[in-house]
Amino acid sequence: MLIAADNDQILGFTAFGAEASELMAAVQVAMMAGLPYAALRAGIFAHPTAAEGLTFLLAGTPAPSQ
């Protein structure tokens, strides 16, 4: 279930079942980027298990300054 504001901002998401974590990862990235849920609907996604590699790829990058 996805909960969105009137402006299509994603406020929350939950999923249950096999491979639910793959869905969660895609929605989490969209939420962090401030994308509307429509961006997920329009997106074309590669096999999501490759996203696990981002942890290692980005491990050495500096944290953003606030």
N, C-alpha and C. Protein backbone atom coordinates (compact mmCIF):
# COMPACT_ATOMS: atom_id res chain seq x y z
N MET A 1 0.84 -1.16 0.00
CA MET A 1 0.00 0.00 0.00
C MET A 1 0.89 1.23 0.00
N LEU A 2 0.58 2.18 -0.85
CA LEU A 2 1.30 3.43 -0.92
C LEU A 2 0.37 4.54 -0.47
N ILE A 3 0.87 5.40 0.40
CA ILE A 3 0.10 6.55 0.86
C ILE A 3 0.74 7.80 0.27
N ALA A 4 -0.07 8.61 -0.40
CA ALA A 4 0.44 9.82 -1.05
C ALA A 4 -0.38 11.03 -0.65
N ALA A 5 0.28 12.19 -0.67
CA ALA A 5 -0.39 13.45 -0.41
C ALA A 5 -1.14 13.90 -1.66
N ASP A 6 -1.91 14.97 -1.54
CA ASP A 6 -2.65 15.49 -2.68
C ASP A 6 -1.74 15.93 -3.82
N ASN A 7 -0.48 16.29 -3.49
CA ASN A 7 0.46 16.71 -4.52
C ASN A 7 1.28 15.53 -5.07
N ASP A 8 0.86 14.30 -4.80
CA ASP A 8 1.49 13.06 -5.26
C ASP A 8 2.79 12.70 -4.55
N GLN A 9 3.16 13.47 -3.51
CA GLN A 9 4.34 13.12 -2.72
C GLN A 9 4.06 11.83 -1.97
N ILE A 10 5.04 10.93 -1.97
CA ILE A 10 4.89 9.65 -1.27
C ILE A 10 5.10 9.89 0.22
N LEU A 11 4.10 9.55 1.02
CA LEU A 11 4.18 9.72 2.46
C LEU A 11 4.54 8.43 3.18
N GLY A 12 4.19 7.31 2.61
CA GLY A 12 4.49 6.03 3.23
C GLY A 12 4.23 4.89 2.28
N PHE A 13 4.81 3.75 2.62
CA PHE A 13 4.66 2.57 1.77
C PHE A 13 4.87 1.33 2.62
N THR A 14 4.10 0.31 2.36
CA THR A 14 4.30 -0.98 3.00
C THR A 14 4.02 -2.07 1.98
N ALA A 15 4.72 -3.17 2.13
CA ALA A 15 4.52 -4.31 1.24
C ALA A 15 4.74 -5.58 2.06
N PHE A 16 4.04 -6.62 1.69
CA PHE A 16 4.14 -7.90 2.38
C PHE A 16 4.19 -9.01 1.35
N GLY A 17 5.12 -9.92 1.50
CA GLY A 17 5.19 -11.05 0.59
C GLY A 17 6.60 -11.26 0.08
N ALA A 18 6.71 -12.25 -0.78
CA ALA A 18 8.00 -12.59 -1.38
C ALA A 18 8.52 -11.39 -2.17
N GLU A 19 9.80 -11.09 -1.99
CA GLU A 19 10.47 -10.01 -2.71
C GLU A 19 9.92 -8.62 -2.38
N ALA A 20 9.22 -8.47 -1.26
CA ALA A 20 8.69 -7.16 -0.87
C ALA A 20 9.82 -6.15 -0.67
N SER A 21 10.97 -6.62 -0.22
CA SER A 21 12.08 -5.69 0.02
C SER A 21 12.56 -5.05 -1.28
N GLU A 22 12.40 -5.71 -2.39
CA GLU A 22 12.79 -5.12 -3.67
C GLU A 22 11.90 -3.92 -4.00
N LEU A 23 10.63 -4.04 -3.69
CA LEU A 23 9.71 -2.92 -3.89
C LEU A 23 10.05 -1.78 -2.94
N MET A 24 10.34 -2.13 -1.70
CA MET A 24 10.65 -1.13 -0.68
C MET A 24 11.86 -0.29 -1.10
N ALA A 25 12.87 -0.92 -1.65
CA ALA A 25 14.08 -0.19 -2.05
C ALA A 25 13.77 0.85 -3.12
N ALA A 26 12.99 0.49 -4.10
CA ALA A 26 12.66 1.43 -5.17
C ALA A 26 11.85 2.60 -4.64
N VAL A 27 10.89 2.32 -3.77
CA VAL A 27 10.07 3.38 -3.21
C VAL A 27 10.90 4.26 -2.28
N GLN A 28 11.80 3.67 -1.53
CA GLN A 28 12.66 4.44 -0.63
C GLN A 28 13.49 5.46 -1.41
N VAL A 29 14.07 5.05 -2.51
CA VAL A 29 14.86 5.96 -3.32
C VAL A 29 13.99 7.10 -3.84
N ALA A 30 12.81 6.78 -4.30
CA ALA A 30 11.89 7.82 -4.78
C ALA A 30 11.54 8.80 -3.67
N MET A 31 11.32 8.28 -2.47
CA MET A 31 11.00 9.15 -1.33
C MET A 31 12.19 10.05 -0.98
N MET A 32 13.38 9.48 -0.97
CA MET A 32 14.57 10.27 -0.64
C MET A 32 14.81 11.37 -1.67
N ALA A 33 14.44 11.11 -2.91
CA ALA A 33 14.63 12.09 -3.98
C ALA A 33 13.48 13.08 -4.07
N GLY A 34 12.42 12.86 -3.30
CA GLY A 34 11.27 13.75 -3.36
C GLY A 34 10.45 13.59 -4.62
N LEU A 35 10.55 12.43 -5.25
CA LEU A 35 9.80 12.19 -6.48
C LEU A 35 8.34 11.86 -6.18
N PRO A 36 7.43 12.24 -7.05
CA PRO A 36 6.03 11.85 -6.89
C PRO A 36 5.87 10.37 -7.24
N TYR A 37 4.79 9.78 -6.76
CA TYR A 37 4.57 8.35 -7.05
C TYR A 37 4.43 8.10 -8.54
N ALA A 38 4.03 9.10 -9.28
CA ALA A 38 3.88 8.94 -10.73
C ALA A 38 5.21 8.62 -11.39
N ALA A 39 6.32 9.06 -10.79
CA ALA A 39 7.64 8.75 -11.35
C ALA A 39 7.90 7.25 -11.29
N LEU A 40 7.42 6.60 -10.24
CA LEU A 40 7.56 5.14 -10.15
C LEU A 40 6.70 4.45 -11.20
N ARG A 41 5.53 4.99 -11.39
CA ARG A 41 4.61 4.40 -12.37
C ARG A 41 5.19 4.50 -13.78
N ALA A 42 5.88 5.59 -14.08
CA ALA A 42 6.41 5.82 -15.42
C ALA A 42 7.79 5.22 -15.61
N GLY A 43 8.42 4.76 -14.53
CA GLY A 43 9.79 4.27 -14.62
C GLY A 43 9.90 2.90 -15.26
N ILE A 44 11.07 2.65 -15.81
CA ILE A 44 11.42 1.34 -16.34
C ILE A 44 12.57 0.85 -15.49
N PHE A 45 12.39 -0.25 -14.79
CA PHE A 45 13.37 -0.71 -13.82
C PHE A 45 14.09 -1.96 -14.31
N ALA A 46 15.38 -1.97 -14.10
CA ALA A 46 16.17 -3.17 -14.37
C ALA A 46 15.95 -4.14 -13.22
N HIS A 47 16.47 -5.33 -13.33
CA HIS A 47 16.33 -6.31 -12.26
C HIS A 47 16.83 -5.69 -10.96
N PRO A 48 15.99 -5.53 -9.95
CA PRO A 48 16.33 -4.74 -8.77
C PRO A 48 17.40 -5.31 -7.86
N THR A 49 17.76 -6.57 -7.96
CA THR A 49 18.77 -7.07 -7.03
C THR A 49 20.13 -6.43 -7.27
N ALA A 50 20.33 -5.83 -8.42
CA ALA A 50 21.58 -5.12 -8.68
C ALA A 50 21.71 -3.90 -7.79
N ALA A 51 20.62 -3.40 -7.25
CA ALA A 51 20.65 -2.23 -6.37
C ALA A 51 21.48 -2.49 -5.11
N GLU A 52 21.62 -3.73 -4.73
CA GLU A 52 22.43 -4.05 -3.56
C GLU A 52 23.88 -3.63 -3.77
N GLY A 53 24.33 -3.59 -4.99
CA GLY A 53 25.69 -3.19 -5.30
C GLY A 53 25.96 -1.72 -5.02
N LEU A 54 24.91 -0.90 -4.93
CA LEU A 54 25.10 0.51 -4.65
C LEU A 54 25.77 0.74 -3.31
N THR A 55 25.52 -0.12 -2.34
CA THR A 55 26.14 0.01 -1.03
C THR A 55 27.65 -0.01 -1.15
N PHE A 56 28.19 -0.92 -1.92
CA PHE A 56 29.63 -1.03 -2.08
C PHE A 56 30.17 0.07 -3.00
N LEU A 57 29.42 0.39 -4.04
CA LEU A 57 29.85 1.41 -4.97
C LEU A 57 29.99 2.77 -4.30
N LEU A 58 29.05 3.10 -3.43
CA LEU A 58 29.01 4.42 -2.81
C LEU A 58 29.64 4.47 -1.43
N ALA A 59 30.21 3.38 -0.97
CA ALA A 59 30.76 3.31 0.40
C ALA A 59 31.84 4.34 0.65
N GLY A 60 32.65 4.68 -0.35
CA GLY A 60 33.76 5.59 -0.14
C GLY A 60 33.44 7.05 -0.45
N THR A 61 32.20 7.36 -0.79
CA THR A 61 31.87 8.74 -1.13
C THR A 61 31.59 9.55 0.13
N PRO A 62 31.93 10.84 0.14
CA PRO A 62 31.69 11.66 1.33
C PRO A 62 30.20 11.89 1.56
N ALA A 63 29.84 12.03 2.80
CA ALA A 63 28.46 12.33 3.16
C ALA A 63 28.14 13.77 2.73
N PRO A 64 26.91 14.04 2.31
CA PRO A 64 26.55 15.40 1.92
C PRO A 64 26.60 16.34 3.13
N SER A 65 27.08 17.55 2.89
CA SER A 65 27.10 18.53 3.98
C SER A 65 25.71 19.14 4.14
N GLN A 66 25.37 19.45 5.37
CA GLN A 66 24.01 19.95 5.62
C GLN A 66 24.03 21.37 5.99
